C-alpha cells in the first residue's frame, strides 16, 4: 500500500503545474487540452516505477490524486492572480 501512496503523491505533484497552466487557458482550447493530457505519460511512468498496477483498488487513489493536483494548481493560480490585481 505504501507504493500506491507514493504513486498518488507523485501524480498529485506532477499535476500541480499543469493545473496552474490550465487555469489561464480557454476551456477546450489546445492549451487546455495539453494541460489536461500532457501529464498522463509522466503519471504512467510514476506508476510503473512505483510498481503499482492499475486495478480496482488503486484506480480511485490515482484518479483522485490526478484531479486534486489539477484542482489545487488551478486554485493557487486563481488566488495569485486575484492577489495581484
C-alpha atoms as a PDB file:
ATOM      1  CA  UNK A   1       0.000   0.000   0.000  1.00  0.00           C
ATOM      2  CA  UNK A   2       2.942   2.347   0.521  1.00  0.00           C
ATOM      3  CA  UNK A   3       3.678   2.090  -3.200  1.00  0.00           C
ATOM      4  CA  UNK A   4       0.159   3.280  -4.037  1.00  0.00           C
ATOM      5  CA  UNK A   5       0.557   6.290  -1.729  1.00  0.00           C
ATOM      6  CA  UNK A   6       3.910   7.091  -3.292  1.00  0.00           C
ATOM      7  CA  UNK A   7       2.424   6.874  -6.803  1.00  0.00           C
ATOM      8  CA  UNK A   8      -0.557   9.013  -5.744  1.00  0.00           C
ATOM      9  CA  UNK A   9       1.722  11.660  -4.237  1.00  0.00           C
ATOM     10  CA  UNK A  10       3.848  11.714  -7.387  1.00  0.00           C
ATOM     11  CA  UNK A  11       0.720  12.033  -9.513  1.00  0.00           C
ATOM     12  CA  UNK A  12      -0.506  14.931  -7.389  1.00  0.00           C
ATOM     13  CA  UNK A  13       2.812  16.790  -7.578  1.00  0.00           C
ATOM     14  CA  UNK A  14       3.167  16.299 -11.343  1.00  0.00           C
ATOM     15  CA  UNK A  15      -0.313  17.724 -11.930  1.00  0.00           C
ATOM     16  CA  UNK A  16       0.152  20.917  -9.893  1.00  0.00           C
ATOM     17  CA  UNK A  17       1.923  22.926 -12.627  1.00  0.00           C
ATOM     18  CA  UNK A  18      -0.445  21.590 -15.277  1.00  0.00           C
ATOM     19  CA  UNK A  19      -3.462  22.736 -13.246  1.00  0.00           C
ATOM     20  CA  UNK A  20      -1.738  26.114 -12.908  1.00  0.00           C
ATOM     21  CA  UNK A  21      -1.307  26.269 -16.688  1.00  0.00           C
ATOM     22  CA  UNK A  22      -4.833  25.047 -17.389  1.00  0.00           C
ATOM     23  CA  UNK A  23      -6.344  27.833 -15.315  1.00  0.00           C
ATOM     24  CA  UNK A  24      -5.040  30.504 -17.705  1.00  0.00           C
ATOM     25  CA  UNK A  25      -6.325  28.850 -20.888  1.00  0.00           C
ATOM     26  CA  UNK A  26      -9.722  28.887 -22.553  1.00  0.00           C
ATOM     27  CA  UNK A  27     -11.668  25.695 -21.882  1.00  0.00           C
ATOM     28  CA  UNK A  28     -11.295  23.067 -24.635  1.00  0.00           C
ATOM     29  CA  UNK A  29      -8.557  25.051 -26.396  1.00  0.00           C
ATOM     30  CA  UNK A  30      -5.310  23.407 -27.500  1.00  0.00           C
ATOM     31  CA  UNK A  31      -3.530  24.734 -24.395  1.00  0.00           C
ATOM     32  CA  UNK A  32      -6.261  23.404 -22.131  1.00  0.00           C
ATOM     33  CA  UNK A  33      -6.133  20.012 -23.861  1.00  0.00           C
ATOM     34  CA  UNK A  34      -2.353  19.866 -23.392  1.00  0.00           C
ATOM     35  CA  UNK A  35      -2.563  20.904 -19.735  1.00  0.00           C
ATOM     36  CA  UNK A  36      -5.050  18.128 -19.042  1.00  0.00           C
ATOM     37  CA  UNK A  37      -3.426  15.360 -21.097  1.00  0.00           C
ATOM     38  CA  UNK A  38       0.325  16.073 -21.114  1.00  0.00           C
ATOM     39  CA  UNK A  39       0.890  14.721 -17.578  1.00  0.00           C
ATOM     40  CA  UNK A  40      -0.608  11.315 -18.455  1.00  0.00           C
ATOM     41  CA  UNK A  41       2.664   9.757 -19.735  1.00  0.00           C
ATOM     42  CA  UNK A  42       4.501  11.076 -16.666  1.00  0.00           C
ATOM     43  CA  UNK A  43       1.860   9.602 -14.376  1.00  0.00           C
ATOM     44  CA  UNK A  44       2.182   6.266 -16.164  1.00  0.00           C
ATOM     45  CA  UNK A  45       5.950   6.326 -15.617  1.00  0.00           C
ATOM     46  CA  UNK A  46       5.493   7.162 -11.929  1.00  0.00           C
ATOM     47  CA  UNK A  47       3.010   4.340 -11.515  1.00  0.00           C
ATOM     48  CA  UNK A  48       5.282   1.840 -13.234  1.00  0.00           C
ATOM     49  CA  UNK A  49       8.357   2.997 -11.311  1.00  0.00           C
ATOM     50  CA  UNK A  50       6.432   2.525  -8.060  1.00  0.00           C
ATOM     51  CA  UNK A  51       5.376  -0.962  -9.182  1.00  0.00           C
ATOM     52  CA  UNK A  52       1.673  -0.161  -8.969  1.00  0.00           C
ATOM     53  CA  UNK A  53      -0.698  -1.918 -11.337  1.00  0.00           C
ATOM     54  CA  UNK A  54      -3.886  -0.239 -12.449  1.00  0.00           C
ATOM     55  CA  UNK A  55      -6.694  -2.112 -10.724  1.00  0.00           C
ATOM     56  CA  UNK A  56      -9.947  -1.546  -8.895  1.00  0.00           C
ATOM     57  CA  UNK A  57      -8.096  -0.915  -5.622  1.00  0.00           C
ATOM     58  CA  UNK A  58      -5.539   1.542  -6.978  1.00  0.00           C
ATOM     59  CA  UNK A  59      -7.568   3.394  -9.611  1.00  0.00           C
ATOM     60  CA  UNK A  60      -9.609   5.559  -7.187  1.00  0.00           C
ATOM     61  CA  UNK A  61      -6.499   6.821  -5.366  1.00  0.00           C
ATOM     62  CA  UNK A  62      -4.651   7.585  -8.585  1.00  0.00           C
ATOM     63  CA  UNK A  63      -7.607   9.318 -10.243  1.00  0.00           C
ATOM     64  CA  UNK A  64      -8.308  11.347  -7.126  1.00  0.00           C
ATOM     65  CA  UNK A  65      -4.687  12.483  -6.890  1.00  0.00           C
ATOM     66  CA  UNK A  66      -4.688  13.380 -10.608  1.00  0.00           C
ATOM     67  CA  UNK A  67      -7.750  15.591 -10.341  1.00  0.00           C
ATOM     68  CA  UNK A  68      -6.739  17.051  -6.974  1.00  0.00           C
ATOM     69  CA  UNK A  69      -3.365  18.066  -8.407  1.00  0.00           C
ATOM     70  CA  UNK A  70      -5.105  19.792 -11.299  1.00  0.00           C
ATOM     71  CA  UNK A  71      -7.620  21.494  -8.992  1.00  0.00           C
ATOM     72  CA  UNK A  72      -5.075  22.667  -6.421  1.00  0.00           C
ATOM     73  CA  UNK A  73      -2.778  24.021  -9.138  1.00  0.00           C
ATOM     74  CA  UNK A  74      -5.679  25.949 -10.665  1.00  0.00           C
ATOM     75  CA  UNK A  75      -6.783  27.276  -7.284  1.00  0.00           C
ATOM     76  CA  UNK A  76      -3.292  28.525  -6.448  1.00  0.00           C
ATOM     77  CA  UNK A  77      -3.206  30.324  -9.816  1.00  0.00           C
ATOM     78  CA  UNK A  78      -6.603  31.949  -9.188  1.00  0.00           C
ATOM     79  CA  UNK A  79      -5.552  33.138  -5.741  1.00  0.00           C
ATOM     80  CA  UNK A  80      -2.254  34.511  -7.008  1.00  0.00           C
ATOM     81  CA  UNK A  81      -3.980  36.331  -9.863  1.00  0.00           C
ATOM     82  CA  UNK A  82      -6.647  37.748  -7.519  1.00  0.00           C
ATOM     83  CA  UNK A  83      -3.991  38.967  -5.069  1.00  0.00           C
ATOM     84  CA  UNK A  84      -2.024  40.590  -7.896  1.00  0.00           C
ATOM     85  CA  UNK A  85      -4.887  42.671  -9.238  1.00  0.00           C
END
